[in-house]
Amino acid sequence: MKEFIEETTTERAVRRVESCTYTMISIIDELVDPENVEDRADLLVAIEELYEVAMSLVDDVRGIAWQYTLTPAEISAQEEDNDW
């Protein structure tokens, strides 16, 4: 229990994503055709909603991960400028 209290927000997010991944794999493994048209529709709607939320999360995290950072050449140029 202590590890959950002391985890960072990033650690918590990664743990939750891993849990969701495990859940999705379980759904894939257990998925059967419900045969009832209404049940098929309900399943599709639920999965499409999950997909939309997941894609929104992917976009947000890509923005975080790929935010602009200096290249090694830019860092070297800054260091050279600071030497003067």
Protein backbone atom coordinates (compact mmCIF):
# COMPACT_ATOMS: atom_id res chain seq x y z
CA MET A 1 0.00 0.00 0.00
CA LYS A 2 2.86 2.37 0.81
CA GLU A 3 4.19 2.19 -2.78
CA PHE A 4 0.87 3.54 -4.10
CA ILE A 5 0.96 6.48 -1.71
CA GLU A 6 4.53 7.39 -2.59
CA GLU A 7 4.28 6.93 -6.37
CA THR A 8 4.59 9.92 -8.66
CA THR A 9 1.77 10.98 -10.93
CA THR A 10 3.71 9.54 -13.88
CA GLU A 11 4.20 6.21 -12.11
CA ARG A 12 0.49 6.15 -11.30
CA ALA A 13 -0.43 6.91 -14.93
CA VAL A 14 1.89 4.17 -16.24
CA ARG A 15 0.47 1.67 -13.71
CA ARG A 16 -3.07 2.54 -14.74
CA VAL A 17 -2.28 2.26 -18.45
CA GLU A 18 -0.65 -1.13 -17.86
CA SER A 19 -3.78 -2.21 -16.01
CA CYS A 20 -5.96 -1.07 -18.91
CA THR A 21 -3.72 -2.93 -21.35
CA TYR A 22 -4.08 -6.11 -19.31
CA THR A 23 -7.85 -5.63 -19.24
CA MET A 24 -8.00 -5.11 -23.01
CA ILE A 25 -5.98 -8.27 -23.60
CA SER A 26 -8.39 -10.17 -21.35
CA ILE A 27 -11.34 -8.83 -23.34
CA ILE A 28 -9.72 -9.94 -26.60
CA ASP A 29 -9.06 -13.40 -25.18
CA GLU A 30 -12.64 -13.79 -23.90
CA LEU A 31 -14.50 -12.08 -26.75
CA VAL A 32 -17.28 -14.07 -28.37
CA ASP A 33 -19.91 -12.99 -30.86
CA PRO A 34 -22.97 -12.10 -28.78
CA GLU A 35 -25.18 -13.07 -31.78
CA ASN A 36 -27.88 -10.65 -30.57
CA VAL A 37 -27.90 -7.52 -32.77
CA GLU A 38 -28.50 -5.17 -29.84
CA ASP A 39 -25.66 -6.73 -27.84
CA ARG A 40 -23.35 -6.46 -30.85
CA ALA A 41 -24.25 -2.79 -31.20
CA ASP A 42 -23.71 -2.13 -27.49
CA LEU A 43 -20.30 -3.81 -27.66
CA LEU A 44 -19.30 -1.83 -30.74
CA VAL A 45 -20.42 1.49 -29.25
CA ALA A 46 -18.50 0.79 -26.03
CA ILE A 47 -15.34 -0.19 -27.92
CA GLU A 48 -15.54 2.81 -30.26
CA GLU A 49 -15.89 5.13 -27.25
CA LEU A 50 -12.86 3.47 -25.66
CA TYR A 51 -10.95 3.91 -28.91
CA GLU A 52 -11.79 7.64 -29.09
CA VAL A 53 -10.65 8.20 -25.52
CA ALA A 54 -7.48 6.18 -26.12
CA MET A 55 -6.64 8.16 -29.27
CA SER A 56 -7.17 11.43 -27.40
CA LEU A 57 -4.79 10.19 -24.70
CA VAL A 58 -2.24 9.15 -27.34
CA ASP A 59 -2.37 12.65 -28.87
CA ASP A 60 -1.92 14.29 -25.47
CA VAL A 61 1.01 12.07 -24.49
CA ARG A 62 2.69 12.48 -27.89
CA GLY A 63 2.54 16.22 -27.33
CA ILE A 64 4.20 15.77 -23.95
CA ALA A 65 6.82 13.29 -25.18
CA TRP A 66 7.78 15.07 -28.40
CA GLN A 67 7.76 18.64 -27.17
CA TYR A 68 10.58 20.67 -28.58
CA THR A 69 13.99 20.07 -27.05
CA LEU A 70 17.35 21.38 -28.12
CA THR A 71 19.45 19.27 -30.45
CA PRO A 72 23.05 18.48 -29.47
CA ALA A 73 24.25 21.03 -32.04
CA GLU A 74 22.03 23.73 -30.52
CA ILE A 75 23.31 22.90 -27.04
CA SER A 76 26.91 23.16 -28.24
CA ALA A 77 26.17 26.49 -29.94
CA GLN A 78 24.67 27.84 -26.71
CA GLU A 79 27.68 26.69 -24.72
CA GLU A 80 30.02 28.36 -27.21
CA ASP A 81 28.01 31.60 -26.97
CA ASN A 82 28.24 31.51 -23.18
CA ASP A 83 32.02 31.12 -23.31
CA TRP A 84 32.41 34.66 -24.60
